[in-house]
Amino acid sequence: MEEENEDNYTVFIGKKPNSRYLFSVEGQARIYNKVKIKARGHLISKAADISQLALNFLKDWEIKDIQITTVVMPYNPEGEQLAEPKKDPEKVSVIDIELGKKDGI
């Protein structure tokens, strides 16, 4: 049997329309007993919206866990060497919303 990797049941939120992410959540829900929705920065509100919209059609599912963290992003993620750093690393908020089947169902 295939080893369960967190990335298998994770939907990363970006700039695409909400419907794309809703289809992804629905597809993951058919395969796994849980789905994790991840977003960072200004897309956190979009992740919250998608989780609530997903619960409208996943009637026997609920929010199991919400984690909010802050990560430090390097100023220059491409790895180029700069003679003088232009600014400090940025702190970015990250949200993980885990949806799962209701207990007892």
PDB file of N, CA and C in Angstrom:
ATOM      1  N   MET A   1       0.839  -1.185   0.000  1.00  0.00           N
ATOM      2  CA  MET A   1       0.000   0.000   0.000  1.00  0.00           C
ATOM      3  C   MET A   1       0.883   1.247   0.000  1.00  0.00           C
ATOM      4  N   GLU A   2       0.437   2.270  -0.660  1.00  0.00           N
ATOM      5  CA  GLU A   2       1.193   3.511  -0.779  1.00  0.00           C
ATOM      6  C   GLU A   2       1.295   4.216   0.568  1.00  0.00           C
ATOM      7  N   GLU A   3       2.499   4.685   0.900  1.00  0.00           N
ATOM      8  CA  GLU A   3       2.715   5.403   2.146  1.00  0.00           C
ATOM      9  C   GLU A   3       1.999   6.756   2.085  1.00  0.00           C
ATOM     10  N   GLU A   4       1.318   7.116   3.177  1.00  0.00           N
ATOM     11  CA  GLU A   4       0.551   8.359   3.199  1.00  0.00           C
ATOM     12  C   GLU A   4       1.491   9.529   3.474  1.00  0.00           C
ATOM     13  N   ASN A   5       1.637  10.390   2.502  1.00  0.00           N
ATOM     14  CA  ASN A   5       2.471  11.575   2.589  1.00  0.00           C
ATOM     15  C   ASN A   5       1.546  12.781   2.735  1.00  0.00           C
ATOM     16  N   GLU A   6       1.911  13.731   3.595  1.00  0.00           N
ATOM     17  CA  GLU A   6       1.054  14.897   3.827  1.00  0.00           C
ATOM     18  C   GLU A   6       0.748  15.646   2.539  1.00  0.00           C
ATOM     19  N   ASP A   7       1.685  15.704   1.619  1.00  0.00           N
ATOM     20  CA  ASP A   7       1.450  16.414   0.356  1.00  0.00           C
ATOM     21  C   ASP A   7       0.366  15.755  -0.485  1.00  0.00           C
ATOM     22  N   ASN A   8       0.105  14.453  -0.253  1.00  0.00           N
ATOM     23  CA  ASN A   8      -0.929  13.755  -1.018  1.00  0.00           C
ATOM     24  C   ASN A   8      -2.311  14.327  -0.769  1.00  0.00           C
ATOM     25  N   TYR A   9      -2.586  14.766   0.447  1.00  0.00           N
ATOM     26  CA  TYR A   9      -3.921  15.262   0.778  1.00  0.00           C
ATOM     27  C   TYR A   9      -3.925  16.759   1.112  1.00  0.00           C
ATOM     28  N   THR A  10      -2.948  17.488   0.603  1.00  0.00           N
ATOM     29  CA  THR A  10      -2.843  18.925   0.851  1.00  0.00           C
ATOM     30  C   THR A  10      -3.172  19.700  -0.416  1.00  0.00           C
ATOM     31  N   VAL A  11      -3.987  20.748  -0.254  1.00  0.00           N
ATOM     32  CA  VAL A  11      -4.318  21.655  -1.352  1.00  0.00           C
ATOM     33  C   VAL A  11      -3.688  23.003  -1.018  1.00  0.00           C
ATOM     34  N   PHE A  12      -2.773  23.450  -1.858  1.00  0.00           N
ATOM     35  CA  PHE A  12      -2.086  24.724  -1.664  1.00  0.00           C
ATOM     36  C   PHE A  12      -2.862  25.818  -2.407  1.00  0.00           C
ATOM     37  N   ILE A  13      -3.234  26.860  -1.692  1.00  0.00           N
ATOM     38  CA  ILE A  13      -4.057  27.924  -2.254  1.00  0.00           C
ATOM     39  C   ILE A  13      -3.165  28.962  -2.927  1.00  0.00           C
ATOM     40  N   GLY A  14      -3.580  29.371  -4.127  1.00  0.00           N
ATOM     41  CA  GLY A  14      -2.837  30.376  -4.883  1.00  0.00           C
ATOM     42  C   GLY A  14      -3.791  31.377  -5.511  1.00  0.00           C
ATOM     43  N   LYS A  15      -3.482  31.806  -6.723  1.00  0.00           N
ATOM     44  CA  LYS A  15      -4.238  32.878  -7.370  1.00  0.00           C
ATOM     45  C   LYS A  15      -5.321  32.395  -8.337  1.00  0.00           C
ATOM     46  N   LYS A  16      -5.484  31.100  -8.475  1.00  0.00           N
ATOM     47  CA  LYS A  16      -6.509  30.577  -9.388  1.00  0.00           C
ATOM     48  C   LYS A  16      -7.909  30.817  -8.810  1.00  0.00           C
ATOM     49  N   PRO A  17      -8.926  30.659  -9.620  1.00  0.00           N
ATOM     50  CA  PRO A  17     -10.297  30.828  -9.121  1.00  0.00           C
ATOM     51  C   PRO A  17     -10.635  29.801  -8.028  1.00  0.00           C
ATOM     52  N   ASN A  18     -11.540  30.181  -7.136  1.00  0.00           N
ATOM     53  CA  ASN A  18     -11.918  29.314  -6.023  1.00  0.00           C
ATOM     54  C   ASN A  18     -12.410  27.950  -6.483  1.00  0.00           C
ATOM     55  N   SER A  19     -13.113  27.912  -7.610  1.00  0.00           N
ATOM     56  CA  SER A  19     -13.676  26.645  -8.079  1.00  0.00           C
ATOM     57  C   SER A  19     -12.599  25.590  -8.319  1.00  0.00           C
ATOM     58  N   ARG A  20     -11.435  25.995  -8.754  1.00  0.00           N
ATOM     59  CA  ARG A  20     -10.344  25.033  -8.979  1.00  0.00           C
ATOM     60  C   ARG A  20      -9.946  24.350  -7.678  1.00  0.00           C
ATOM     61  N   TYR A  21      -9.857  25.143  -6.609  1.00  0.00           N
ATOM     62  CA  TYR A  21      -9.462  24.594  -5.316  1.00  0.00           C
ATOM     63  C   TYR A  21     -10.583  23.757  -4.715  1.00  0.00           C
ATOM     64  N   LEU A  22     -11.830  24.141  -4.948  1.00  0.00           N
ATOM     65  CA  LEU A  22     -12.953  23.343  -4.460  1.00  0.00           C
ATOM     66  C   LEU A  22     -12.973  21.974  -5.122  1.00  0.00           C
ATOM     67  N   PHE A  23     -12.697  21.916  -6.420  1.00  0.00           N
ATOM     68  CA  PHE A  23     -12.623  20.628  -7.113  1.00  0.00           C
ATOM     69  C   PHE A  23     -11.479  19.782  -6.559  1.00  0.00           C
ATOM     70  N   SER A  24     -10.370  20.417  -6.240  1.00  0.00           N
ATOM     71  CA  SER A  24      -9.231  19.691  -5.667  1.00  0.00           C
ATOM     72  C   SER A  24      -9.580  19.127  -4.296  1.00  0.00           C
ATOM     73  N   VAL A  25     -10.230  19.937  -3.471  1.00  0.00           N
ATOM     74  CA  VAL A  25     -10.620  19.475  -2.138  1.00  0.00           C
ATOM     75  C   VAL A  25     -11.595  18.299  -2.262  1.00  0.00           C
ATOM     76  N   GLU A  26     -12.562  18.414  -3.164  1.00  0.00           N
ATOM     77  CA  GLU A  26     -13.528  17.335  -3.355  1.00  0.00           C
ATOM     78  C   GLU A  26     -12.828  16.057  -3.821  1.00  0.00           C
ATOM     79  N   GLY A  27     -11.893  16.188  -4.738  1.00  0.00           N
ATOM     80  CA  GLY A  27     -11.160  15.021  -5.223  1.00  0.00           C
ATOM     81  C   GLY A  27     -10.335  14.353  -4.136  1.00  0.00           C
ATOM     82  N   GLN A  28      -9.674  15.147  -3.311  1.00  0.00           N
ATOM     83  CA  GLN A  28      -8.879  14.588  -2.214  1.00  0.00           C
ATOM     84  C   GLN A  28      -9.784  13.937  -1.177  1.00  0.00           C
ATOM     85  N   ALA A  29     -10.969  14.518  -0.964  1.00  0.00           N
ATOM     86  CA  ALA A  29     -11.905  13.975   0.024  1.00  0.00           C
ATOM     87  C   ALA A  29     -12.405  12.593  -0.387  1.00  0.00           C
ATOM     88  N   ARG A  30     -12.489  12.330  -1.672  1.00  0.00           N
ATOM     89  CA  ARG A  30     -12.928  11.011  -2.146  1.00  0.00           C
ATOM     90  C   ARG A  30     -11.866   9.942  -1.884  1.00  0.00           C
ATOM     91  N   ILE A  31     -10.605  10.355  -1.842  1.00  0.00           N
ATOM     92  CA  ILE A  31      -9.507   9.396  -1.691  1.00  0.00           C
ATOM     93  C   ILE A  31      -9.081   9.242  -0.235  1.00  0.00           C
ATOM     94  N   TYR A  32      -8.982  10.359   0.491  1.00  0.00           N
ATOM     95  CA  TYR A  32      -8.444  10.359   1.848  1.00  0.00           C
ATOM     96  C   TYR A  32      -9.538  10.722   2.860  1.00  0.00           C
ATOM     97  N   ASN A  33      -9.294  10.395   4.111  1.00  0.00           N
ATOM     98  CA  ASN A  33     -10.225  10.731   5.181  1.00  0.00           C
ATOM     99  C   ASN A  33     -10.003  12.130   5.726  1.00  0.00           C
ATOM    100  N   LYS A  34      -9.031  12.822   5.182  1.00  0.00           N
ATOM    101  CA  LYS A  34      -8.762  14.198   5.603  1.00  0.00           C
ATOM    102  C   LYS A  34      -8.172  14.972   4.444  1.00  0.00           C
ATOM    103  N   VAL A  35      -8.350  16.284   4.503  1.00  0.00           N
ATOM    104  CA  VAL A  35      -7.802  17.192   3.495  1.00  0.00           C
ATOM    105  C   VAL A  35      -7.229  18.384   4.239  1.00  0.00           C
ATOM    106  N   LYS A  36      -6.028  18.787   3.868  1.00  0.00           N
ATOM    107  CA  LYS A  36      -5.407  19.950   4.484  1.00  0.00           C
ATOM    108  C   LYS A  36      -5.341  21.066   3.444  1.00  0.00           C
ATOM    109  N   ILE A  37      -5.810  22.238   3.835  1.00  0.00           N
ATOM    110  CA  ILE A  37      -5.775  23.418   2.973  1.00  0.00           C
ATOM    111  C   ILE A  37      -4.712  24.356   3.529  1.00  0.00           C
ATOM    112  N   LYS A  38      -3.737  24.715   2.701  1.00  0.00           N
ATOM    113  CA  LYS A  38      -2.633  25.575   3.146  1.00  0.00           C
ATOM    114  C   LYS A  38      -2.597  26.856   2.323  1.00  0.00           C
ATOM    115  N   ALA A  39      -2.302  27.965   3.009  1.00  0.00           N
ATOM    116  CA  ALA A  39      -2.141  29.246   2.318  1.00  0.00           C
ATOM    117  C   ALA A  39      -1.237  30.127   3.160  1.00  0.00           C
ATOM    118  N   ARG A  40      -0.685  31.140   2.512  1.00  0.00           N
ATOM    119  CA  ARG A  40       0.143  32.091   3.261  1.00  0.00           C
ATOM    120  C   ARG A  40      -0.130  33.513   2.772  1.00  0.00           C
ATOM    121  N   GLY A  41       0.178  34.446   3.653  1.00  0.00           N
ATOM    122  CA  GLY A  41       0.031  35.853   3.313  1.00  0.00           C
ATOM    123  C   GLY A  41      -1.407  36.266   3.089  1.00  0.00           C
ATOM    124  N   HIS A  42      -1.608  37.070   2.063  1.00  0.00           N
ATOM    125  CA  HIS A  42      -2.945  37.608   1.798  1.00  0.00           C
ATOM    126  C   HIS A  42      -3.930  36.558   1.290  1.00  0.00           C
ATOM    127  N   LEU A  43      -3.477  35.350   1.013  1.00  0.00           N
ATOM    128  CA  LEU A  43      -4.361  34.284   0.545  1.00  0.00           C
ATOM    129  C   LEU A  43      -4.991  33.494   1.684  1.00  0.00           C
ATOM    130  N   ILE A  44      -4.674  33.862   2.933  1.00  0.00           N
ATOM    131  CA  ILE A  44      -5.247  33.167   4.088  1.00  0.00           C
ATOM    132  C   ILE A  44      -6.763  33.294   4.088  1.00  0.00           C
ATOM    133  N   SER A  45      -7.282  34.469   3.788  1.00  0.00           N
ATOM    134  CA  SER A  45      -8.736  34.649   3.786  1.00  0.00           C
ATOM    135  C   SER A  45      -9.387  33.790   2.696  1.00  0.00           C
ATOM    136  N   LYS A  46      -8.698  33.616   1.583  1.00  0.00           N
ATOM    137  CA  LYS A  46      -9.215  32.769   0.503  1.00  0.00           C
ATOM    138  C   LYS A  46      -9.274  31.311   0.961  1.00  0.00           C
ATOM    139  N   ALA A  47      -8.271  30.869   1.718  1.00  0.00           N
ATOM    140  CA  ALA A  47      -8.269  29.500   2.241  1.00  0.00           C
ATOM    141  C   ALA A  47      -9.430  29.287   3.199  1.00  0.00           C
ATOM    142  N   ALA A  48      -9.708  30.288   4.035  1.00  0.00           N
ATOM    143  CA  ALA A  48     -10.842  30.185   4.956  1.00  0.00           C
ATOM    144  C   ALA A  48     -12.149  30.095   4.179  1.00  0.00           C
ATOM    145  N   ASP A  49     -12.291  30.899   3.131  1.00  0.00           N
ATOM    146  CA  ASP A  49     -13.499  30.854   2.297  1.00  0.00           C
ATOM    147  C   ASP A  49     -13.661  29.481   1.643  1.00  0.00           C
ATOM    148  N   ILE A  50     -12.579  28.954   1.113  1.00  0.00           N
ATOM    149  CA  ILE A  50     -12.637  27.663   0.423  1.00  0.00           C
ATOM    150  C   ILE A  50     -12.993  26.551   1.398  1.00  0.00           C
ATOM    151  N   SER A  51     -12.460  26.599   2.617  1.00  0.00           N
ATOM    152  CA  SER A  51     -12.787  25.561   3.591  1.00  0.00           C
ATOM    153  C   SER A  51     -14.275  25.593   3.927  1.00  0.00           C
ATOM    154  N   GLN A  52     -14.851  26.782   4.064  1.00  0.00           N
ATOM    155  CA  GLN A  52     -16.277  26.894   4.376  1.00  0.00           C
ATOM    156  C   GLN A  52     -17.142  26.470   3.184  1.00  0.00           C
ATOM    157  N   LEU A  53     -16.740  26.841   1.985  1.00  0.00           N
ATOM    158  CA  LEU A  53     -17.475  26.412   0.790  1.00  0.00           C
ATOM    159  C   LEU A  53     -17.411  24.890   0.633  1.00  0.00           C
ATOM    160  N   ALA A  54     -16.256  24.308   0.934  1.00  0.00           N
ATOM    161  CA  ALA A  54     -16.099  22.858   0.814  1.00  0.00           C
ATOM    162  C   ALA A  54     -17.009  22.129   1.789  1.00  0.00           C
ATOM    163  N   LEU A  55     -17.192  22.681   2.982  1.00  0.00           N
ATOM    164  CA  LEU A  55     -18.060  22.029   3.969  1.00  0.00           C
ATOM    165  C   LEU A  55     -19.531  22.063   3.552  1.00  0.00           C
ATOM    166  N   ASN A  56     -19.882  22.953   2.615  1.00  0.00           N
ATOM    167  CA  ASN A  56     -21.258  22.978   2.105  1.00  0.00           C
ATOM    168  C   ASN A  56     -21.600  21.718   1.318  1.00  0.00           C
ATOM    169  N   PHE A  57     -20.627  21.143   0.594  1.00  0.00           N
ATOM    170  CA  PHE A  57     -20.937  19.935  -0.169  1.00  0.00           C
ATOM    171  C   PHE A  57     -20.358  18.673   0.468  1.00  0.00           C
ATOM    172  N   LEU A  58     -19.496  18.816   1.463  1.00  0.00           N
ATOM    173  CA  LEU A  58     -19.012  17.662   2.233  1.00  0.00           C
ATOM    174  C   LEU A  58     -19.786  17.641   3.552  1.00  0.00           C
ATOM    175  N   LYS A  59     -21.023  17.185   3.487  1.00  0.00           N
ATOM    176  CA  LYS A  59     -21.952  17.296   4.619  1.00  0.00           C
ATOM    177  C   LYS A  59     -21.484  16.558   5.864  1.00  0.00           C
ATOM    178  N   ASP A  60     -20.805  15.431   5.708  1.00  0.00           N
ATOM    179  CA  ASP A  60     -20.379  14.661   6.876  1.00  0.00           C
ATOM    180  C   ASP A  60     -18.925  14.976   7.279  1.00  0.00           C
ATOM    181  N   TRP A  61     -18.443  16.156   6.887  1.00  0.00           N
ATOM    182  CA  TRP A  61     -17.090  16.585   7.213  1.00  0.00           C
ATOM    183  C   TRP A  61     -17.150  17.802   8.129  1.00  0.00           C
ATOM    184  N   GLU A  62     -16.049  18.047   8.830  1.00  0.00           N
ATOM    185  CA  GLU A  62     -15.930  19.198   9.717  1.00  0.00           C
ATOM    186  C   GLU A  62     -14.481  19.671   9.753  1.00  0.00           C
ATOM    187  N   ILE A  63     -14.279  20.841  10.343  1.00  0.00           N
ATOM    188  CA  ILE A  63     -12.919  21.338  10.547  1.00  0.00           C
ATOM    189  C   ILE A  63     -12.341  20.617  11.753  1.00  0.00           C
ATOM    190  N   LYS A  64     -11.218  19.931  11.552  1.00  0.00           N
ATOM    191  CA  LYS A  64     -10.567  19.179  12.624  1.00  0.00           C
ATOM    192  C   LYS A  64      -9.510  20.003  13.340  1.00  0.00           C
ATOM    193  N   ASP A  65      -8.779  20.828  12.587  1.00  0.00           N
ATOM    194  CA  ASP A  65      -7.670  21.560  13.187  1.00  0.00           C
ATOM    195  C   ASP A  65      -7.353  22.786  12.338  1.00  0.00           C
ATOM    196  N   ILE A  66      -6.964  23.854  13.023  1.00  0.00           N
ATOM    197  CA  ILE A  66      -6.484  25.058  12.345  1.00  0.00           C
ATOM    198  C   ILE A  66      -5.183  25.460  13.010  1.00  0.00           C
ATOM    199  N   GLN A  67      -4.145  25.620  12.217  1.00  0.00           N
ATOM    200  CA  GLN A  67      -2.851  26.063  12.740  1.00  0.00           C
ATOM    201  C   GLN A  67      -2.437  27.327  12.009  1.00  0.00           C
ATOM    202  N   ILE A  68      -2.051  28.320  12.785  1.00  0.00           N
ATOM    203  CA  ILE A  68      -1.559  29.574  12.216  1.00  0.00           C
ATOM    204  C   ILE A  68      -0.137  29.773  12.708  1.00  0.00           C
ATOM    205  N   THR A  69       0.782  29.930  11.777  1.00  0.00           N
ATOM    206  CA  THR A  69       2.189  30.120  12.131  1.00  0.00           C
ATOM    207  C   THR A  69       2.776  31.271  11.326  1.00  0.00           C
ATOM    208  N   THR A  70       3.971  31.629  11.678  1.00  0.00           N
ATOM    209  CA  THR A  70       4.724  32.641  10.937  1.00  0.00           C
ATOM    210  C   THR A  70       6.042  32.027  10.510  1.00  0.00           C
ATOM    211  N   VAL A  71       6.383  32.185   9.247  1.00  0.00           N
ATOM    212  CA  VAL A  71       7.661  31.693   8.739  1.00  0.00           C
ATOM    213  C   VAL A  71       8.482  32.881   8.256  1.00  0.00           C
ATOM    214  N   VAL A  72       9.778  32.733   8.318  1.00  0.00           N
ATOM    215  CA  VAL A  72      10.686  33.776   7.848  1.00  0.00           C
ATOM    216  C   VAL A  72      11.101  33.428   6.429  1.00  0.00           C
ATOM    217  N   MET A  73      10.772  34.313   5.513  1.00  0.00           N
ATOM    218  CA  MET A  73      11.102  34.107   4.106  1.00  0.00           C
ATOM    219  C   MET A  73      12.359  34.909   3.783  1.00  0.00           C
ATOM    220  N   PRO A  74      13.327  34.289   3.147  1.00  0.00           N
ATOM    221  CA  PRO A  74      14.518  35.063   2.778  1.00  0.00           C
ATOM    222  C   PRO A  74      14.171  36.123   1.746  1.00  0.00           C
ATOM    223  N   TYR A  75      14.875  37.216   1.791  1.00  0.00           N
ATOM    224  CA  TYR A  75      14.609  38.304   0.844  1.00  0.00           C
ATOM    225  C   TYR A  75      14.836  37.845  -0.587  1.00  0.00           C
ATOM    226  N   ASN A  76      15.877  37.035  -0.787  1.00  0.00           N
ATOM    227  CA  ASN A  76      16.263  36.618  -2.129  1.00  0.00           C
ATOM    228  C   ASN A  76      16.113  35.099  -2.255  1.00  0.00           C
ATOM    229  N   PRO A  77      14.916  34.590  -2.527  1.00  0.00           N
ATOM    230  CA  PRO A  77      14.708  33.147  -2.563  1.00  0.00           C
ATOM    231  C   PRO A  77      15.406  32.428  -3.714  1.00  0.00           C
ATOM    232  N   GLU A  78      15.840  33.157  -4.733  1.00  0.00           N
ATOM    233  CA  GLU A  78      16.527  32.510  -5.859  1.00  0.00           C
ATOM    234  C   GLU A  78      17.944  32.077  -5.500  1.00  0.00           C
ATOM    235  N   GLY A  79      18.462  32.532  -4.368  1.00  0.00           N
ATOM    236  CA  GLY A  79      19.774  32.114  -3.915  1.00  0.00           C
ATOM    237  C   GLY A  79      20.926  32.909  -4.498  1.00  0.00           C
ATOM    238  N   GLU A  80      20.638  33.994  -5.198  1.00  0.00           N
ATOM    239  CA  GLU A  80      21.711  34.807  -5.757  1.00  0.00           C
ATOM    240  C   GLU A  80      22.447  35.528  -4.632  1.00  0.00           C
ATOM    241  N   GLN A  81      23.742  35.646  -4.791  1.00  0.00           N
ATOM    242  CA  GLN A  81      24.543  36.361  -3.806  1.00  0.00           C
ATOM    243  C   GLN A  81      24.448  37.856  -4.072  1.00  0.00           C
ATOM    244  N   LEU A  82      24.032  38.591  -3.060  1.00  0.00           N
ATOM    245  CA  LEU A  82      23.942  40.041  -3.186  1.00  0.00           C
ATOM    246  C   LEU A  82      25.120  40.679  -2.461  1.00  0.00           C
ATOM    247  N   ALA A  83      25.711  41.708  -3.062  1.00  0.00           N
ATOM    248  CA  ALA A  83      26.815  42.406  -2.416  1.00  0.00           C
ATOM    249  C   ALA A  83      26.357  43.014  -1.093  1.00  0.00           C
ATOM    250  N   GLU A  84      25.215  43.660  -1.130  1.00  0.00           N
ATOM    251  CA  GLU A  84      24.628  44.223   0.084  1.00  0.00           C
ATOM    252  C   GLU A  84      23.169  43.806   0.141  1.00  0.00           C
ATOM    253  N   PRO A  85      22.775  43.150   1.219  1.00  0.00           N
ATOM    254  CA  PRO A  85      21.347  42.829   1.326  1.00  0.00           C
ATOM    255  C   PRO A  85      20.522  44.107   1.350  1.00  0.00           C
ATOM    256  N   LYS A  86      19.458  44.132   0.566  1.00  0.00           N
ATOM    257  CA  LYS A  86      18.652  45.345   0.460  1.00  0.00           C
ATOM    258  C   LYS A  86      17.649  45.477   1.588  1.00  0.00           C
ATOM    259  N   LYS A  87      17.201  44.352   2.128  1.00  0.00           N
ATOM    260  CA  LYS A  87      16.305  44.430   3.271  1.00  0.00           C
ATOM    261  C   LYS A  87      16.326  43.111   4.037  1.00  0.00           C
ATOM    262  N   ASP A  88      15.762  43.160   5.224  1.00  0.00           N
ATOM    263  CA  ASP A  88      15.749  41.990   6.098  1.00  0.00           C
ATOM    264  C   ASP A  88      14.775  40.937   5.561  1.00  0.00           C
ATOM    265  N   PRO A  89      14.946  39.697   6.016  1.00  0.00           N
ATOM    266  CA  PRO A  89      13.976  38.668   5.631  1.00  0.00           C
ATOM    267  C   PRO A  89      12.569  39.055   6.097  1.00  0.00           C
ATOM    268  N   GLU A  90      11.573  38.637   5.333  1.00  0.00           N
ATOM    269  CA  GLU A  90      10.192  38.978   5.646  1.00  0.00           C
ATOM    270  C   GLU A  90       9.546  37.855   6.449  1.00  0.00           C
ATOM    271  N   LYS A  91       8.662  38.233   7.346  1.00  0.00           N
ATOM    272  CA  LYS A  91       7.858  37.267   8.085  1.00  0.00           C
ATOM    273  C   LYS A  91       6.508  37.154   7.383  1.00  0.00           C
ATOM    274  N   VAL A  92       6.098  35.911   7.124  1.00  0.00           N
ATOM    275  CA  VAL A  92       4.852  35.656   6.403  1.00  0.00           C
ATOM    276  C   VAL A  92       3.994  34.713   7.244  1.00  0.00           C
ATOM    277  N   SER A  93       2.728  35.057   7.395  1.00  0.00           N
ATOM    278  CA  SER A  93       1.790  34.194   8.113  1.00  0.00           C
ATOM    279  C   SER A  93       1.363  33.037   7.222  1.00  0.00           C
ATOM    280  N   VAL A  94       1.166  31.875   7.857  1.00  0.00           N
ATOM    281  CA  VAL A  94       0.759  30.662   7.146  1.00  0.00           C
ATOM    282  C   VAL A  94      -0.397  30.037   7.909  1.00  0.00           C
ATOM    283  N   ILE A  95      -1.404  29.541   7.191  1.00  0.00           N
ATOM    284  CA  ILE A  95      -2.524  28.846   7.824  1.00  0.00           C
ATOM    285  C   ILE A  95      -2.645  27.446   7.241  1.00  0.00           C
ATOM    286  N   ASP A  96      -2.916  26.490   8.125  1.00  0.00           N
ATOM    287  CA  ASP A  96      -3.210  25.109   7.739  1.00  0.00           C
ATOM    288  C   ASP A  96      -4.586  24.784   8.301  1.00  0.00           C
ATOM    289  N   ILE A  97      -5.530  24.484   7.437  1.00  0.00           N
ATOM    290  CA  ILE A  97      -6.876  24.115   7.866  1.00  0.00           C
ATOM    291  C   ILE A  97      -7.076  22.660   7.489  1.00  0.00           C
ATOM    292  N   GLU A  98      -7.305  21.829   8.500  1.00  0.00           N
ATOM    293  CA  GLU A  98      -7.504  20.400   8.252  1.00  0.00           C
ATOM    294  C   GLU A  98      -8.980  20.056   8.352  1.00  0.00           C
ATOM    295  N   LEU A  99      -9.495  19.506   7.282  1.00  0.00           N
ATOM    296  CA  LEU A  99     -10.874  19.031   7.231  1.00  0.00           C
ATOM    297  C   LEU A  99     -10.855  17.517   7.329  1.00  0.00           C
ATOM    298  N   GLY A 100     -11.845  16.961   8.020  1.00  0.00           N
ATOM    299  CA  GLY A 100     -11.930  15.510   8.149  1.00  0.00           C
ATOM    300  C   GLY A 100     -13.362  15.078   8.368  1.00  0.00           C
ATOM    301  N   LYS A 101     -13.592  13.777   8.250  1.00  0.00           N
ATOM    302  CA  LYS A 101     -14.932  13.239   8.477  1.00  0.00           C
ATOM    303  C   LYS A 101     -15.299  13.409   9.931  1.00  0.00           C
ATOM    304  N   LYS A 102     -16.582  13.692  10.166  1.00  0.00           N
ATOM    305  CA  LYS A 102     -17.078  13.819  11.547  1.00  0.00           C
ATOM    306  C   LYS A 102     -16.909  12.495  12.264  1.00  0.00           C
ATOM    307  N   ASP A 103     -16.607  12.575  13.544  1.00  0.00           N
ATOM    308  CA  ASP A 103     -16.446  11.356  14.352  1.00  0.00           C
ATOM    309  C   ASP A 103     -17.776  10.624  14.442  1.00  0.00           C
ATOM    310  N   GLY A 104     -17.704   9.315  14.347  1.00  0.00           N
ATOM    311  CA  GLY A 104     -18.901   8.503  14.463  1.00  0.00           C
ATOM    312  C   GLY A 104     -19.663   8.293  13.174  1.00  0.00           C
ATOM    313  N   ILE A 105     -19.127   8.804  12.067  1.00  0.00           N
ATOM    314  CA  ILE A 105     -19.821   8.628  10.773  1.00  0.00           C
ATOM    315  C   ILE A 105     -19.004   7.707   9.900  1.00  0.00           C
TER     316      ILE A 105
END
